[in-house]
PDB file of N, CA and C in Angstrom:
ATOM      1  N   MET A   1     -52.108  70.833   6.943  1.00  0.00           N
ATOM      2  CA  MET A   1     -52.785  69.678   6.400  1.00  0.00           C
ATOM      3  C   MET A   1     -51.890  68.447   6.533  1.00  0.00           C
ATOM      4  N   LYS A   2     -52.520  67.339   6.801  1.00  0.00           N
ATOM      5  CA  LYS A   2     -51.796  66.081   6.928  1.00  0.00           C
ATOM      6  C   LYS A   2     -51.386  65.576   5.555  1.00  0.00           C
ATOM      7  N   LYS A   3     -50.141  65.200   5.430  1.00  0.00           N
ATOM      8  CA  LYS A   3     -49.632  64.639   4.183  1.00  0.00           C
ATOM      9  C   LYS A   3     -49.911  63.144   4.181  1.00  0.00           C
ATOM     10  N   LEU A   4     -50.509  62.653   3.116  1.00  0.00           N
ATOM     11  CA  LEU A   4     -50.821  61.233   3.012  1.00  0.00           C
ATOM     12  C   LEU A   4     -49.724  60.499   2.265  1.00  0.00           C
ATOM     13  N   ASP A   5     -49.357  59.327   2.772  1.00  0.00           N
ATOM     14  CA  ASP A   5     -48.488  58.468   1.980  1.00  0.00           C
ATOM     15  C   ASP A   5     -49.337  57.338   1.421  1.00  0.00           C
ATOM     16  N   SER A   6     -48.736  56.495   0.621  1.00  0.00           N
ATOM     17  CA  SER A   6     -49.512  55.469  -0.072  1.00  0.00           C
ATOM     18  C   SER A   6     -50.166  54.475   0.885  1.00  0.00           C
ATOM     19  N   SER A   7     -49.628  54.289   2.089  1.00  0.00           N
ATOM     20  CA  SER A   7     -50.230  53.353   3.036  1.00  0.00           C
ATOM     21  C   SER A   7     -51.516  53.909   3.640  1.00  0.00           C
ATOM     22  N   ASP A   8     -51.709  55.244   3.591  1.00  0.00           N
ATOM     23  CA  ASP A   8     -52.936  55.859   4.101  1.00  0.00           C
ATOM     24  C   ASP A   8     -54.082  55.745   3.105  1.00  0.00           C
ATOM     25  N   ASP A   9     -53.779  55.459   1.854  1.00  0.00           N
ATOM     26  CA  ASP A   9     -54.803  55.405   0.813  1.00  0.00           C
ATOM     27  C   ASP A   9     -55.455  54.029   0.819  1.00  0.00           C
ATOM     28  N   CYS A  10     -56.661  53.970   1.384  1.00  0.00           N
ATOM     29  CA  CYS A  10     -57.335  52.669   1.462  1.00  0.00           C
ATOM     30  C   CYS A  10     -58.657  52.714   0.710  1.00  0.00           C
ATOM     31  N   GLY A  11     -58.657  53.274  -0.478  1.00  0.00           N
ATOM     32  CA  GLY A  11     -59.856  53.287  -1.299  1.00  0.00           C
ATOM     33  C   GLY A  11     -60.612  54.594  -1.219  1.00  0.00           C
ATOM     34  N   ASP A  12     -61.844  54.538  -1.663  1.00  0.00           N
ATOM     35  CA  ASP A  12     -62.698  55.718  -1.696  1.00  0.00           C
ATOM     36  C   ASP A  12     -63.722  55.669  -0.570  1.00  0.00           C
ATOM     37  N   GLU A  13     -64.138  56.830  -0.136  1.00  0.00           N
ATOM     38  CA  GLU A  13     -65.195  56.991   0.858  1.00  0.00           C
ATOM     39  C   GLU A  13     -66.340  57.734   0.193  1.00  0.00           C
ATOM     40  N   HIS A  14     -67.541  57.518   0.684  1.00  0.00           N
ATOM     41  CA  HIS A  14     -68.692  58.263   0.176  1.00  0.00           C
ATOM     42  C   HIS A  14     -68.768  59.597   0.903  1.00  0.00           C
ATOM     43  N   LEU A  15     -69.074  60.647   0.159  1.00  0.00           N
ATOM     44  CA  LEU A  15     -69.245  61.983   0.721  1.00  0.00           C
ATOM     45  C   LEU A  15     -70.490  62.582   0.097  1.00  0.00           C
ATOM     46  N   GLN A  16     -71.430  62.939   0.932  1.00  0.00           N
ATOM     47  CA  GLN A  16     -72.654  63.549   0.430  1.00  0.00           C
ATOM     48  C   GLN A  16     -72.686  64.976   0.948  1.00  0.00           C
ATOM     49  N   VAL A  17     -72.926  65.920   0.058  1.00  0.00           N
ATOM     50  CA  VAL A  17     -72.944  67.322   0.444  1.00  0.00           C
ATOM     51  C   VAL A  17     -74.104  68.015  -0.262  1.00  0.00           C
ATOM     52  N   GLN A  18     -74.759  68.897   0.455  1.00  0.00           N
ATOM     53  CA  GLN A  18     -75.864  69.653  -0.120  1.00  0.00           C
ATOM     54  C   GLN A  18     -75.310  71.001  -0.572  1.00  0.00           C
ATOM     55  N   VAL A  19     -75.541  71.336  -1.837  1.00  0.00           N
ATOM     56  CA  VAL A  19     -75.049  72.595  -2.405  1.00  0.00           C
ATOM     57  C   VAL A  19     -76.217  73.354  -3.025  1.00  0.00           C
ATOM     58  N   PRO A  20     -76.045  74.655  -3.219  1.00  0.00           N
ATOM     59  CA  PRO A  20     -77.096  75.428  -3.886  1.00  0.00           C
ATOM     60  C   PRO A  20     -77.335  74.910  -5.308  1.00  0.00           C
ATOM     61  N   THR A  21     -78.548  75.081  -5.782  1.00  0.00           N
ATOM     62  CA  THR A  21     -78.930  74.628  -7.124  1.00  0.00           C
ATOM     63  C   THR A  21     -78.001  75.196  -8.189  1.00  0.00           C
ATOM     64  N   ALA A  22     -77.675  76.473  -8.088  1.00  0.00           N
ATOM     65  CA  ALA A  22     -76.799  77.108  -9.081  1.00  0.00           C
ATOM     66  C   ALA A  22     -75.413  76.474  -9.083  1.00  0.00           C
ATOM     67  N   THR A  23     -74.924  76.091  -7.914  1.00  0.00           N
ATOM     68  CA  THR A  23     -73.609  75.450  -7.810  1.00  0.00           C
ATOM     69  C   THR A  23     -73.623  74.091  -8.498  1.00  0.00           C
ATOM     70  N   LYS A  24     -74.657  73.307  -8.226  1.00  0.00           N
ATOM     71  CA  LYS A  24     -74.759  71.984  -8.858  1.00  0.00           C
ATOM     72  C   LYS A  24     -74.892  72.116 -10.369  1.00  0.00           C
ATOM     73  N   ARG A  25     -75.671  73.093 -10.801  1.00  0.00           N
ATOM     74  CA  ARG A  25     -75.852  73.320 -12.241  1.00  0.00           C
ATOM     75  C   ARG A  25     -74.507  73.682 -12.889  1.00  0.00           C
ATOM     76  N   ASP A  26     -73.738  74.558 -12.232  1.00  0.00           N
ATOM     77  CA  ASP A  26     -72.440  74.960 -12.779  1.00  0.00           C
ATOM     78  C   ASP A  26     -71.469  73.782 -12.815  1.00  0.00           C
ATOM     79  N   LEU A  27     -71.465  72.967 -11.766  1.00  0.00           N
ATOM     80  CA  LEU A  27     -70.610  71.772 -11.768  1.00  0.00           C
ATOM     81  C   LEU A  27     -70.979  70.840 -12.914  1.00  0.00           C
ATOM     82  N   GLY A  28     -72.273  70.649 -13.107  1.00  0.00           N
ATOM     83  CA  GLY A  28     -72.734  69.800 -14.203  1.00  0.00           C
ATOM     84  C   GLY A  28     -72.333  70.343 -15.556  1.00  0.00           C
ATOM     85  N   GLN A  29     -72.435  71.662 -15.732  1.00  0.00           N
ATOM     86  CA  GLN A  29     -72.059  72.277 -17.005  1.00  0.00           C
ATOM     87  C   GLN A  29     -70.557  72.159 -17.251  1.00  0.00           C
ATOM     88  N   ARG A  30     -69.766  72.387 -16.196  1.00  0.00           N
ATOM     89  CA  ARG A  30     -68.307  72.249 -16.339  1.00  0.00           C
ATOM     90  C   ARG A  30     -67.933  70.818 -16.701  1.00  0.00           C
ATOM     91  N   ALA A  31     -68.627  69.858 -16.097  1.00  0.00           N
ATOM     92  CA  ALA A  31     -68.373  68.452 -16.412  1.00  0.00           C
ATOM     93  C   ALA A  31     -68.725  68.156 -17.865  1.00  0.00           C
ATOM     94  N   LEU A  32     -69.839  68.695 -18.334  1.00  0.00           N
ATOM     95  CA  LEU A  32     -70.215  68.512 -19.744  1.00  0.00           C
ATOM     96  C   LEU A  32     -69.194  69.152 -20.680  1.00  0.00           C
ATOM     97  N   ASP A  33     -68.802  70.382 -20.358  1.00  0.00           N
ATOM     98  CA  ASP A  33     -67.850  71.107 -21.205  1.00  0.00           C
ATOM     99  C   ASP A  33     -66.505  70.387 -21.306  1.00  0.00           C
ATOM    100  N   SER A  34     -66.051  69.824 -20.194  1.00  0.00           N
ATOM    101  CA  SER A  34     -64.747  69.155 -20.178  1.00  0.00           C
ATOM    102  C   SER A  34     -64.845  67.660 -20.477  1.00  0.00           C
ATOM    103  N   ARG A  35     -66.089  67.170 -20.634  1.00  0.00           N
ATOM    104  CA  ARG A  35     -66.338  65.754 -20.921  1.00  0.00           C
ATOM    105  C   ARG A  35     -65.698  64.836 -19.887  1.00  0.00           C
ATOM    106  N   GLU A  36     -65.873  65.194 -18.619  1.00  0.00           N
ATOM    107  CA  GLU A  36     -65.372  64.374 -17.527  1.00  0.00           C
ATOM    108  C   GLU A  36     -66.418  64.348 -16.413  1.00  0.00           C
ATOM    109  N   PRO A  37     -66.363  63.347 -15.545  1.00  0.00           N
ATOM    110  CA  PRO A  37     -67.357  63.237 -14.476  1.00  0.00           C
ATOM    111  C   PRO A  37     -67.269  64.395 -13.481  1.00  0.00           C
ATOM    112  N   ILE A  38     -68.390  64.688 -12.840  1.00  0.00           N
ATOM    113  CA  ILE A  38     -68.410  65.736 -11.814  1.00  0.00           C
ATOM    114  C   ILE A  38     -67.380  65.421 -10.732  1.00  0.00           C
ATOM    115  N   ARG A  39     -67.189  64.149 -10.428  1.00  0.00           N
ATOM    116  CA  ARG A  39     -66.202  63.738  -9.417  1.00  0.00           C
ATOM    117  C   ARG A  39     -64.824  64.317  -9.734  1.00  0.00           C
ATOM    118  N   MET A  40     -64.421  64.255 -11.001  1.00  0.00           N
ATOM    119  CA  MET A  40     -63.117  64.792 -11.388  1.00  0.00           C
ATOM    120  C   MET A  40     -63.072  66.306 -11.227  1.00  0.00           C
ATOM    121  N   VAL A  41     -64.146  66.981 -11.597  1.00  0.00           N
ATOM    122  CA  VAL A  41     -64.208  68.439 -11.464  1.00  0.00           C
ATOM    123  C   VAL A  41     -64.062  68.824  -9.991  1.00  0.00           C
ATOM    124  N   VAL A  42     -64.789  68.127  -9.123  1.00  0.00           N
ATOM    125  CA  VAL A  42     -64.748  68.426  -7.693  1.00  0.00           C
ATOM    126  C   VAL A  42     -63.373  68.111  -7.105  1.00  0.00           C
ATOM    127  N   LEU A  43     -62.801  66.954  -7.431  1.00  0.00           N
ATOM    128  CA  LEU A  43     -61.480  66.600  -6.901  1.00  0.00           C
ATOM    129  C   LEU A  43     -60.410  67.584  -7.360  1.00  0.00           C
ATOM    130  N   ARG A  44     -60.485  68.021  -8.606  1.00  0.00           N
ATOM    131  CA  ARG A  44     -59.521  68.999  -9.111  1.00  0.00           C
ATOM    132  C   ARG A  44     -59.652  70.325  -8.343  1.00  0.00           C
ATOM    133  N   ALA A  45     -60.887  70.747  -8.078  1.00  0.00           N
ATOM    134  CA  ALA A  45     -61.120  71.985  -7.326  1.00  0.00           C
ATOM    135  C   ALA A  45     -60.610  71.856  -5.888  1.00  0.00           C
ATOM    136  N   LEU A  46     -60.858  70.708  -5.270  1.00  0.00           N
ATOM    137  CA  LEU A  46     -60.369  70.493  -3.910  1.00  0.00           C
ATOM    138  C   LEU A  46     -58.846  70.513  -3.865  1.00  0.00           C
ATOM    139  N   ALA A  47     -58.204  69.895  -4.836  1.00  0.00           N
ATOM    140  CA  ALA A  47     -56.740  69.896  -4.899  1.00  0.00           C
ATOM    141  C   ALA A  47     -56.212  71.319  -5.066  1.00  0.00           C
ATOM    142  N   ALA A  48     -56.866  72.113  -5.911  1.00  0.00           N
ATOM    143  CA  ALA A  48     -56.447  73.502  -6.123  1.00  0.00           C
ATOM    144  C   ALA A  48     -56.607  74.321  -4.845  1.00  0.00           C
ATOM    145  N   TYR A  49     -57.546  73.940  -4.012  1.00  0.00           N
ATOM    146  CA  TYR A  49     -57.800  74.625  -2.744  1.00  0.00           C
ATOM    147  C   TYR A  49     -56.794  74.210  -1.670  1.00  0.00           C
ATOM    148  N   GLY A  50     -56.030  73.169  -1.931  1.00  0.00           N
ATOM    149  CA  GLY A  50     -55.012  72.721  -0.987  1.00  0.00           C
ATOM    150  C   GLY A  50     -55.381  71.472  -0.215  1.00  0.00           C
ATOM    151  N   VAL A  51     -56.506  70.865  -0.547  1.00  0.00           N
ATOM    152  CA  VAL A  51     -56.917  69.620   0.102  1.00  0.00           C
ATOM    153  C   VAL A  51     -56.115  68.472  -0.507  1.00  0.00           C
ATOM    154  N   VAL A  52     -55.675  67.549   0.326  1.00  0.00           N
ATOM    155  CA  VAL A  52     -54.895  66.411  -0.161  1.00  0.00           C
ATOM    156  C   VAL A  52     -55.782  65.516  -1.019  1.00  0.00           C
ATOM    157  N   VAL A  53     -55.357  65.322  -2.252  1.00  0.00           N
ATOM    158  CA  VAL A  53     -56.024  64.406  -3.176  1.00  0.00           C
ATOM    159  C   VAL A  53     -54.938  63.447  -3.665  1.00  0.00           C
ATOM    160  N   PRO A  54     -55.049  62.156  -3.330  1.00  0.00           N
ATOM    161  CA  PRO A  54     -54.004  61.208  -3.703  1.00  0.00           C
ATOM    162  C   PRO A  54     -53.722  61.199  -5.206  1.00  0.00           C
ATOM    163  N   GLU A  55     -52.469  60.953  -5.522  1.00  0.00           N
ATOM    164  CA  GLU A  55     -52.045  60.864  -6.915  1.00  0.00           C
ATOM    165  C   GLU A  55     -52.858  59.785  -7.624  1.00  0.00           C
ATOM    166  N   GLY A  56     -53.357  60.081  -8.774  1.00  0.00           N
ATOM    167  CA  GLY A  56     -54.131  59.119  -9.540  1.00  0.00           C
ATOM    168  C   GLY A  56     -55.625  59.131  -9.242  1.00  0.00           C
ATOM    169  N   ALA A  57     -56.049  59.884  -8.217  1.00  0.00           N
ATOM    170  CA  ALA A  57     -57.476  59.921  -7.874  1.00  0.00           C
ATOM    171  C   ALA A  57     -58.272  60.755  -8.868  1.00  0.00           C
ATOM    172  N   ILE A  58     -57.608  61.719  -9.493  1.00  0.00           N
ATOM    173  CA  ILE A  58     -58.299  62.566 -10.466  1.00  0.00           C
ATOM    174  C   ILE A  58     -58.183  61.895 -11.829  1.00  0.00           C
ATOM    175  N   ALA A  59     -59.025  60.898 -12.019  1.00  0.00           N
ATOM    176  CA  ALA A  59     -59.037  60.143 -13.273  1.00  0.00           C
ATOM    177  C   ALA A  59     -60.457  59.683 -13.548  1.00  0.00           C
ATOM    178  N   ASP A  60     -60.768  59.530 -14.804  1.00  0.00           N
ATOM    179  CA  ASP A  60     -62.088  59.052 -15.209  1.00  0.00           C
ATOM    180  C   ASP A  60     -62.124  57.546 -15.007  1.00  0.00           C
ATOM    181  N   ARG A  61     -62.962  57.088 -14.091  1.00  0.00           N
ATOM    182  CA  ARG A  61     -63.046  55.659 -13.792  1.00  0.00           C
ATOM    183  C   ARG A  61     -63.996  54.928 -14.716  1.00  0.00           C
ATOM    184  N   ARG A  62     -64.684  55.674 -15.576  1.00  0.00           N
ATOM    185  CA  ARG A  62     -65.605  55.030 -16.525  1.00  0.00           C
ATOM    186  C   ARG A  62     -64.793  54.355 -17.621  1.00  0.00           C
ATOM    187  N   LYS A  63     -65.237  53.204 -18.026  1.00  0.00           N
ATOM    188  CA  LYS A  63     -64.549  52.488 -19.105  1.00  0.00           C
ATOM    189  C   LYS A  63     -64.931  53.096 -20.434  1.00  0.00           C
ATOM    190  N   ARG A  64     -63.953  53.320 -21.262  1.00  0.00           N
ATOM    191  CA  ARG A  64     -64.195  53.834 -22.612  1.00  0.00           C
ATOM    192  C   ARG A  64     -63.801  52.759 -23.607  1.00  0.00           C
ATOM    193  N   THR A  65     -64.633  52.583 -24.611  1.00  0.00           N
ATOM    194  CA  THR A  65     -64.337  51.554 -25.614  1.00  0.00           C
ATOM    195  C   THR A  65     -64.094  52.170 -26.956  1.00  0.00           C
TER     196      THR A  65
END
């Protein structure tokens, strides 16, 4: 796998993927249980699988007041 440095990080890209209904349901439930967006659940899983996820990308981008 290619190692990314900070100069390679130029923002976010859109990724659309079709998954089985049960998979989407489980992702949604995990997000509810952990009170975090599905994006964080997916990025954490990808990182655990060995996919490069830039430092700081696994964060809740929603504003909390």
